[in-house]
Amino acid sequence: MTRTIGMGLAAAVVMAMAAACGGGSSGSSSTPTPTTPTPTTTTPPSTPTDLATITIGANGSVSPSSVTVNRGGRVTMINNDTRAHDMASDPHPEHTGCTELNQWGFLQPGQSRTSSNLNTARTCTFHDHNLPANTGLQGRVVIQ
């Protein structure tokens, strides 16, 4: 009788080890495998902030083309292109739609400037004064 219990116990240990290594039973485990969700690394452009950044890339386009800031917030424009850009508020050539953005002005490669405080809730659009029809250098700032 002791021998029968010992053999049964040995068989149970072997089956448990095989199941732990992925072998043996073809049935599913009763313990669910935990999954870790993949974190999102981008922030939606509609999330307001107090300071947003727009970058003119080496491809000659702004990114992101739309940012949202809280009232009183500001926007920094960084020129990472190899050529200078003269960034200003629409409409062209008056630049009167959102004069706070005109603080960016003429940016040499590697240069950056921050707008003055955007205190009125509205949507402001901008462009490169020297390339007003270039849609890659156009964008908007939403003030909430």
N, C-alpha and C. Protein backbone atom coordinates (compact mmCIF):
# COMPACT_ATOMS: atom_id res chain seq x y z
N MET A 1 0.83 -1.18 0.00
CA MET A 1 0.00 0.00 0.00
C MET A 1 0.88 1.25 0.00
N THR A 2 1.94 1.24 0.79
CA THR A 2 2.84 2.37 0.84
C THR A 2 3.48 2.58 -0.52
N ARG A 3 3.80 1.47 -1.19
CA ARG A 3 4.41 1.57 -2.51
C ARG A 3 3.43 2.21 -3.50
N THR A 4 2.16 1.92 -3.45
CA THR A 4 1.14 2.48 -4.33
C THR A 4 1.00 3.98 -4.09
N ILE A 5 0.99 4.40 -2.83
CA ILE A 5 0.90 5.83 -2.50
C ILE A 5 2.15 6.55 -3.00
N GLY A 6 3.32 5.95 -2.81
CA GLY A 6 4.58 6.56 -3.25
C GLY A 6 4.60 6.72 -4.76
N MET A 7 4.13 5.71 -5.52
CA MET A 7 4.12 5.80 -6.98
C MET A 7 3.12 6.87 -7.44
N GLY A 8 1.98 6.95 -6.77
CA GLY A 8 0.98 7.96 -7.11
C GLY A 8 1.51 9.36 -6.85
N LEU A 9 2.21 9.52 -5.73
CA LEU A 9 2.79 10.82 -5.39
C LEU A 9 3.87 11.19 -6.40
N ALA A 10 4.71 10.26 -6.80
CA ALA A 10 5.75 10.51 -7.78
C ALA A 10 5.13 10.91 -9.12
N ALA A 11 4.08 10.23 -9.51
CA ALA A 11 3.41 10.54 -10.77
C ALA A 11 2.82 11.95 -10.72
N ALA A 12 2.26 12.34 -9.59
CA ALA A 12 1.70 13.68 -9.45
C ALA A 12 2.78 14.75 -9.55
N VAL A 13 3.95 14.50 -8.96
CA VAL A 13 5.06 15.46 -9.02
C VAL A 13 5.53 15.60 -10.46
N VAL A 14 5.69 14.49 -11.19
CA VAL A 14 6.14 14.52 -12.58
C VAL A 14 5.13 15.29 -13.43
N MET A 15 3.84 15.09 -13.23
CA MET A 15 2.82 15.79 -14.01
C MET A 15 2.83 17.29 -13.70
N ALA A 16 3.03 17.63 -12.45
CA ALA A 16 3.08 19.04 -12.06
C ALA A 16 4.29 19.72 -12.69
N MET A 17 5.42 19.05 -12.72
CA MET A 17 6.63 19.63 -13.32
C MET A 17 6.46 19.78 -14.82
N ALA A 18 5.85 18.81 -15.48
CA ALA A 18 5.63 18.89 -16.92
C ALA A 18 4.69 20.04 -17.25
N ALA A 19 3.66 20.22 -16.46
CA ALA A 19 2.72 21.32 -16.70
C ALA A 19 3.40 22.66 -16.49
N ALA A 20 4.28 22.77 -15.52
CA ALA A 20 4.98 24.02 -15.25
C ALA A 20 5.93 24.37 -16.37
N CYS A 21 6.45 23.39 -17.09
CA CYS A 21 7.40 23.63 -18.17
C CYS A 21 6.70 23.77 -19.51
N GLY A 22 5.41 23.72 -19.51
CA GLY A 22 4.67 23.90 -20.75
C GLY A 22 4.32 22.60 -21.42
N GLY A 23 4.72 21.47 -20.88
CA GLY A 23 4.42 20.19 -21.48
C GLY A 23 3.27 19.52 -20.79
N GLY A 24 3.05 18.26 -21.12
CA GLY A 24 2.04 17.48 -20.41
C GLY A 24 0.65 17.78 -20.88
N SER A 25 -0.13 18.37 -20.06
CA SER A 25 -1.55 18.58 -20.27
C SER A 25 -1.80 19.54 -21.42
N SER A 26 -2.83 19.27 -22.23
CA SER A 26 -3.20 20.17 -23.31
C SER A 26 -4.33 21.09 -22.89
N GLY A 27 -4.81 20.94 -21.67
CA GLY A 27 -5.88 21.78 -21.16
C GLY A 27 -5.34 23.15 -20.75
N SER A 28 -6.24 24.10 -20.49
CA SER A 28 -5.80 25.43 -20.10
C SER A 28 -5.60 25.48 -18.60
N SER A 29 -4.72 26.38 -18.20
CA SER A 29 -4.43 26.57 -16.78
C SER A 29 -5.56 27.33 -16.13
N SER A 30 -5.81 27.07 -14.87
CA SER A 30 -6.88 27.78 -14.17
C SER A 30 -6.40 29.15 -13.68
N THR A 31 -5.08 29.39 -13.72
CA THR A 31 -4.54 30.67 -13.31
C THR A 31 -4.31 31.53 -14.55
N PRO A 32 -4.99 32.66 -14.68
CA PRO A 32 -4.81 33.49 -15.88
C PRO A 32 -3.41 34.11 -15.90
N THR A 33 -2.87 34.25 -17.08
CA THR A 33 -1.58 34.89 -17.25
C THR A 33 -1.79 36.40 -17.24
N PRO A 34 -1.12 37.10 -16.32
CA PRO A 34 -1.32 38.55 -16.27
C PRO A 34 -0.70 39.22 -17.50
N THR A 35 -1.38 40.25 -18.01
CA THR A 35 -0.85 41.02 -19.13
C THR A 35 -0.59 42.44 -18.66
N THR A 36 0.47 43.00 -19.17
CA THR A 36 0.81 44.38 -18.84
C THR A 36 0.42 45.25 -20.02
N PRO A 37 -0.46 46.25 -19.82
CA PRO A 37 -0.85 47.11 -20.93
C PRO A 37 0.34 47.94 -21.41
N THR A 38 0.40 48.17 -22.72
CA THR A 38 1.45 49.00 -23.28
C THR A 38 1.09 50.45 -23.04
N PRO A 39 1.97 51.23 -22.40
CA PRO A 39 1.64 52.63 -22.13
C PRO A 39 1.67 53.45 -23.41
N THR A 40 0.80 54.45 -23.47
CA THR A 40 0.77 55.35 -24.60
C THR A 40 1.79 56.45 -24.35
N THR A 41 2.58 56.76 -25.39
CA THR A 41 3.64 57.74 -25.21
C THR A 41 3.31 59.10 -25.81
N THR A 42 2.17 59.25 -26.44
CA THR A 42 1.83 60.54 -27.03
C THR A 42 0.72 61.20 -26.24
N THR A 43 0.75 62.51 -26.20
CA THR A 43 -0.28 63.28 -25.53
C THR A 43 -1.21 63.84 -26.61
N PRO A 44 -2.50 63.65 -26.46
CA PRO A 44 -3.41 64.20 -27.47
C PRO A 44 -3.22 65.71 -27.60
N PRO A 45 -3.29 66.24 -28.82
CA PRO A 45 -3.08 67.67 -29.00
C PRO A 45 -4.14 68.52 -28.32
N SER A 46 -5.27 67.92 -27.93
CA SER A 46 -6.33 68.71 -27.31
C SER A 46 -6.16 68.84 -25.80
N THR A 47 -5.11 68.26 -25.23
CA THR A 47 -4.89 68.37 -23.79
C THR A 47 -4.26 69.73 -23.49
N PRO A 48 -4.97 70.61 -22.79
CA PRO A 48 -4.42 71.94 -22.53
C PRO A 48 -3.25 71.91 -21.55
N THR A 49 -2.35 72.84 -21.73
CA THR A 49 -1.17 72.97 -20.89
C THR A 49 -0.87 74.45 -20.71
N ASP A 50 0.06 74.79 -19.85
CA ASP A 50 0.43 76.19 -19.67
C ASP A 50 1.57 76.60 -20.58
N LEU A 51 2.33 75.62 -21.09
CA LEU A 51 3.43 75.92 -22.00
C LEU A 51 3.52 74.79 -23.01
N ALA A 52 3.29 75.13 -24.27
CA ALA A 52 3.38 74.14 -25.35
C ALA A 52 4.60 74.47 -26.21
N THR A 53 5.07 73.47 -26.94
CA THR A 53 6.23 73.66 -27.82
C THR A 53 5.89 73.17 -29.21
N ILE A 54 6.25 73.98 -30.19
CA ILE A 54 6.12 73.62 -31.60
C ILE A 54 7.53 73.68 -32.17
N THR A 55 7.90 72.66 -32.94
CA THR A 55 9.24 72.59 -33.51
C THR A 55 9.17 72.61 -35.03
N ILE A 56 10.00 73.44 -35.63
CA ILE A 56 10.18 73.40 -37.08
C ILE A 56 11.30 72.39 -37.30
N GLY A 57 10.96 71.28 -37.93
CA GLY A 57 11.92 70.20 -38.11
C GLY A 57 12.83 70.41 -39.31
N ALA A 58 13.80 69.51 -39.45
CA ALA A 58 14.75 69.56 -40.56
C ALA A 58 14.03 69.38 -41.90
N ASN A 59 12.81 68.85 -41.86
CA ASN A 59 12.02 68.68 -43.08
C ASN A 59 11.29 69.97 -43.47
N GLY A 60 11.45 71.03 -42.68
CA GLY A 60 10.82 72.31 -42.99
C GLY A 60 9.34 72.37 -42.65
N SER A 61 8.88 71.53 -41.73
CA SER A 61 7.47 71.53 -41.31
C SER A 61 7.37 71.66 -39.80
N VAL A 62 6.26 72.25 -39.33
CA VAL A 62 6.04 72.37 -37.90
C VAL A 62 5.45 71.08 -37.34
N SER A 63 5.82 70.79 -36.10
CA SER A 63 5.30 69.60 -35.42
C SER A 63 5.24 69.87 -33.93
N PRO A 64 4.09 69.67 -33.30
CA PRO A 64 2.81 69.39 -33.94
C PRO A 64 2.28 70.64 -34.63
N SER A 65 1.33 70.44 -35.52
CA SER A 65 0.75 71.59 -36.22
C SER A 65 -0.38 72.23 -35.43
N SER A 66 -0.79 71.58 -34.33
CA SER A 66 -1.84 72.12 -33.49
C SER A 66 -1.52 71.84 -32.02
N VAL A 67 -1.61 72.87 -31.20
CA VAL A 67 -1.42 72.71 -29.76
C VAL A 67 -2.57 73.41 -29.04
N THR A 68 -2.81 72.99 -27.81
CA THR A 68 -3.85 73.60 -26.98
C THR A 68 -3.21 74.05 -25.67
N VAL A 69 -3.47 75.30 -25.30
CA VAL A 69 -2.95 75.84 -24.04
C VAL A 69 -4.09 76.42 -23.23
N ASN A 70 -3.87 76.49 -21.94
CA ASN A 70 -4.81 77.15 -21.04
C ASN A 70 -4.72 78.65 -21.27
N ARG A 71 -5.79 79.37 -20.91
CA ARG A 71 -5.71 80.83 -20.94
C ARG A 71 -4.57 81.26 -20.05
N GLY A 72 -3.77 82.19 -20.54
CA GLY A 72 -2.58 82.64 -19.82
C GLY A 72 -1.34 81.85 -20.20
N GLY A 73 -1.52 80.77 -20.95
CA GLY A 73 -0.39 79.94 -21.37
C GLY A 73 0.42 80.60 -22.47
N ARG A 74 1.53 79.95 -22.81
CA ARG A 74 2.43 80.45 -23.85
C ARG A 74 2.86 79.29 -24.74
N VAL A 75 3.40 79.63 -25.91
CA VAL A 75 3.86 78.62 -26.85
C VAL A 75 5.28 78.97 -27.30
N THR A 76 6.17 78.00 -27.20
CA THR A 76 7.55 78.18 -27.65
C THR A 76 7.69 77.59 -29.05
N MET A 77 8.32 78.35 -29.94
CA MET A 77 8.61 77.89 -31.30
C MET A 77 10.11 77.66 -31.38
N ILE A 78 10.51 76.45 -31.78
CA ILE A 78 11.93 76.07 -31.91
C ILE A 78 12.22 75.83 -33.38
N ASN A 79 13.27 76.44 -33.91
CA ASN A 79 13.65 76.23 -35.30
C ASN A 79 14.81 75.24 -35.38
N ASN A 80 14.49 73.98 -35.70
CA ASN A 80 15.51 72.95 -35.90
C ASN A 80 15.79 72.71 -37.38
N ASP A 81 15.31 73.61 -38.23
CA ASP A 81 15.57 73.51 -39.66
C ASP A 81 16.94 74.13 -39.95
N THR A 82 17.45 73.92 -41.15
CA THR A 82 18.75 74.49 -41.53
C THR A 82 18.62 75.88 -42.11
N ARG A 83 17.40 76.37 -42.27
CA ARG A 83 17.18 77.72 -42.79
C ARG A 83 16.35 78.53 -41.79
N ALA A 84 16.41 79.83 -41.92
CA ALA A 84 15.67 80.73 -41.04
C ALA A 84 14.19 80.74 -41.43
N HIS A 85 13.33 81.02 -40.43
CA HIS A 85 11.89 81.13 -40.66
C HIS A 85 11.38 82.35 -39.90
N ASP A 86 10.41 83.05 -40.50
CA ASP A 86 9.81 84.24 -39.90
C ASP A 86 8.36 83.89 -39.55
N MET A 87 8.16 83.39 -38.33
CA MET A 87 6.85 82.86 -37.90
C MET A 87 5.98 83.97 -37.32
N ALA A 88 4.73 84.00 -37.80
CA ALA A 88 3.82 85.07 -37.39
C ALA A 88 2.37 84.60 -37.42
N SER A 89 1.53 85.39 -36.78
CA SER A 89 0.09 85.14 -36.73
C SER A 89 -0.54 85.41 -38.09
N ASP A 90 -1.63 84.72 -38.37
CA ASP A 90 -2.44 85.03 -39.55
C ASP A 90 -3.22 86.31 -39.26
N PRO A 91 -3.80 86.95 -40.22
CA PRO A 91 -3.68 86.74 -41.65
C PRO A 91 -2.40 87.35 -42.21
N HIS A 92 -1.99 86.83 -43.34
CA HIS A 92 -0.80 87.35 -44.02
C HIS A 92 -1.24 88.49 -44.92
N PRO A 93 -0.59 89.60 -44.99
CA PRO A 93 0.67 89.96 -44.35
C PRO A 93 0.49 90.83 -43.11
N GLU A 94 -0.75 91.04 -42.64
CA GLU A 94 -0.99 91.95 -41.51
C GLU A 94 -0.55 91.37 -40.17
N HIS A 95 -0.75 90.08 -39.96
CA HIS A 95 -0.37 89.40 -38.71
C HIS A 95 -1.10 89.97 -37.49
N THR A 96 -2.40 90.23 -37.64
CA THR A 96 -3.18 90.86 -36.58
C THR A 96 -4.11 89.90 -35.84
N GLY A 97 -4.22 88.67 -36.29
CA GLY A 97 -5.17 87.73 -35.71
C GLY A 97 -4.85 87.34 -34.28
N CYS A 98 -3.61 87.22 -33.96
CA CYS A 98 -3.20 86.80 -32.62
C CYS A 98 -1.78 87.35 -32.40
N THR A 99 -1.73 88.61 -32.07
CA THR A 99 -0.43 89.30 -32.01
C THR A 99 0.54 88.71 -31.01
N GLU A 100 0.04 87.94 -30.02
CA GLU A 100 0.93 87.31 -29.04
C GLU A 100 1.90 86.34 -29.72
N LEU A 101 1.49 85.74 -30.84
CA LEU A 101 2.36 84.80 -31.56
C LEU A 101 3.45 85.52 -32.34
N ASN A 102 3.26 86.81 -32.62
CA ASN A 102 4.27 87.55 -33.37
C ASN A 102 5.58 87.70 -32.61
N GLN A 103 5.60 87.35 -31.33
CA GLN A 103 6.82 87.36 -30.53
C GLN A 103 7.85 86.37 -31.08
N TRP A 104 7.37 85.31 -31.80
CA TRP A 104 8.30 84.34 -32.37
C TRP A 104 9.21 85.01 -33.37
N GLY A 105 8.62 85.72 -34.33
CA GLY A 105 9.37 86.48 -35.31
C GLY A 105 10.36 85.66 -36.13
N PHE A 106 11.48 86.30 -36.45
CA PHE A 106 12.51 85.72 -37.30
C PHE A 106 13.41 84.81 -36.47
N LEU A 107 13.41 83.53 -36.81
CA LEU A 107 14.18 82.54 -36.06
C LEU A 107 15.29 81.94 -36.93
N GLN A 108 16.51 82.15 -36.52
CA GLN A 108 17.64 81.51 -37.19
C GLN A 108 17.65 80.03 -36.84
N PRO A 109 18.35 79.19 -37.62
CA PRO A 109 18.47 77.77 -37.26
C PRO A 109 19.00 77.62 -35.83
N GLY A 110 18.35 76.78 -35.06
CA GLY A 110 18.75 76.53 -33.67
C GLY A 110 18.17 77.51 -32.67
N GLN A 111 17.50 78.52 -33.12
CA GLN A 111 16.96 79.55 -32.23
C GLN A 111 15.52 79.21 -31.82
N SER A 112 15.09 79.71 -30.66
CA SER A 112 13.71 79.53 -30.22
C SER A 112 13.24 80.80 -29.51
N ARG A 113 11.92 81.01 -29.53
CA ARG A 113 11.30 82.11 -28.80
C ARG A 113 9.94 81.68 -28.31
N THR A 114 9.49 82.32 -27.24
CA THR A 114 8.20 82.01 -26.63
C THR A 114 7.24 83.17 -26.85
N SER A 115 6.01 82.85 -27.16
CA SER A 115 4.98 83.86 -27.35
C SER A 115 4.74 84.59 -26.03
N SER A 116 4.05 85.70 -26.11
CA SER A 116 3.60 86.32 -24.87
C SER A 116 2.36 85.54 -24.39
N ASN A 117 1.86 85.87 -23.21
CA ASN A 117 0.73 85.14 -22.63
C ASN A 117 -0.50 85.24 -23.52
N LEU A 118 -1.15 84.10 -23.72
CA LEU A 118 -2.36 84.01 -24.53
C LEU A 118 -3.55 84.01 -23.57
N ASN A 119 -4.14 85.18 -23.36
CA ASN A 119 -5.14 85.35 -22.31
C ASN A 119 -6.59 85.21 -22.76
N THR A 120 -6.86 85.26 -24.05
CA THR A 120 -8.23 85.21 -24.55
C THR A 120 -8.51 83.84 -25.16
N ALA A 121 -9.61 83.21 -24.74
CA ALA A 121 -9.99 81.92 -25.30
C ALA A 121 -10.39 82.10 -26.76
N ARG A 122 -9.68 81.41 -27.65
CA ARG A 122 -9.92 81.49 -29.09
C ARG A 122 -8.97 80.54 -29.80
N THR A 123 -9.04 80.47 -31.10
CA THR A 123 -8.09 79.70 -31.90
C THR A 123 -7.30 80.66 -32.75
N CYS A 124 -5.97 80.57 -32.65
CA CYS A 124 -5.07 81.41 -33.42
C CYS A 124 -4.36 80.54 -34.45
N THR A 125 -4.22 81.05 -35.66
CA THR A 125 -3.48 80.33 -36.69
C THR A 125 -2.21 81.11 -37.02
N PHE A 126 -1.22 80.40 -37.56
CA PHE A 126 0.07 81.02 -37.86
C PHE A 126 0.67 80.47 -39.14
N HIS A 127 1.72 81.13 -39.63
CA HIS A 127 2.41 80.74 -40.86
C HIS A 127 3.82 81.33 -40.85
N ASP A 128 4.61 80.95 -41.83
CA ASP A 128 5.91 81.57 -42.06
C ASP A 128 5.66 82.75 -42.99
N HIS A 129 6.00 83.95 -42.57
CA HIS A 129 5.74 85.17 -43.34
C HIS A 129 6.36 85.10 -44.73
N ASN A 130 7.53 84.50 -44.85
CA ASN A 130 8.21 84.44 -46.15
C ASN A 130 7.71 83.29 -47.03
N LEU A 131 6.98 82.36 -46.45
CA LEU A 131 6.43 81.21 -47.19
C LEU A 131 4.96 81.01 -46.78
N PRO A 132 4.10 82.01 -46.96
CA PRO A 132 2.74 81.94 -46.41
C PRO A 132 1.87 80.82 -46.99
N ALA A 133 2.17 80.34 -48.18
CA ALA A 133 1.35 79.28 -48.79
C ALA A 133 1.87 77.88 -48.44
N ASN A 134 3.00 77.77 -47.76
CA ASN A 134 3.57 76.47 -47.39
C ASN A 134 2.78 75.89 -46.22
N THR A 135 1.94 74.90 -46.51
CA THR A 135 1.07 74.33 -45.47
C THR A 135 1.86 73.60 -44.38
N GLY A 136 3.08 73.17 -44.69
CA GLY A 136 3.92 72.52 -43.67
C GLY A 136 4.37 73.48 -42.60
N LEU A 137 4.29 74.78 -42.88
CA LEU A 137 4.69 75.79 -41.91
C LEU A 137 3.49 76.57 -41.38
N GLN A 138 2.33 75.96 -41.47
CA GLN A 138 1.10 76.56 -40.94
C GLN A 138 0.60 75.71 -39.79
N GLY A 139 -0.09 76.35 -38.86
CA GLY A 139 -0.64 75.61 -37.73
C GLY A 139 -1.61 76.43 -36.95
N ARG A 140 -1.98 75.88 -35.79
CA ARG A 140 -2.95 76.60 -34.94
C ARG A 140 -2.63 76.39 -33.47
N VAL A 141 -3.05 77.39 -32.72
CA VAL A 141 -2.94 77.35 -31.25
C VAL A 141 -4.34 77.59 -30.72
N VAL A 142 -4.83 76.60 -29.96
CA VAL A 142 -6.16 76.72 -29.36
C VAL A 142 -5.96 77.15 -27.91
N ILE A 143 -6.60 78.26 -27.52
CA ILE A 143 -6.51 78.76 -26.14
C ILE A 143 -7.84 78.48 -25.47
N GLN A 144 -7.81 77.73 -24.35
CA GLN A 144 -9.04 77.36 -23.63
C GLN A 144 -9.11 78.06 -22.31
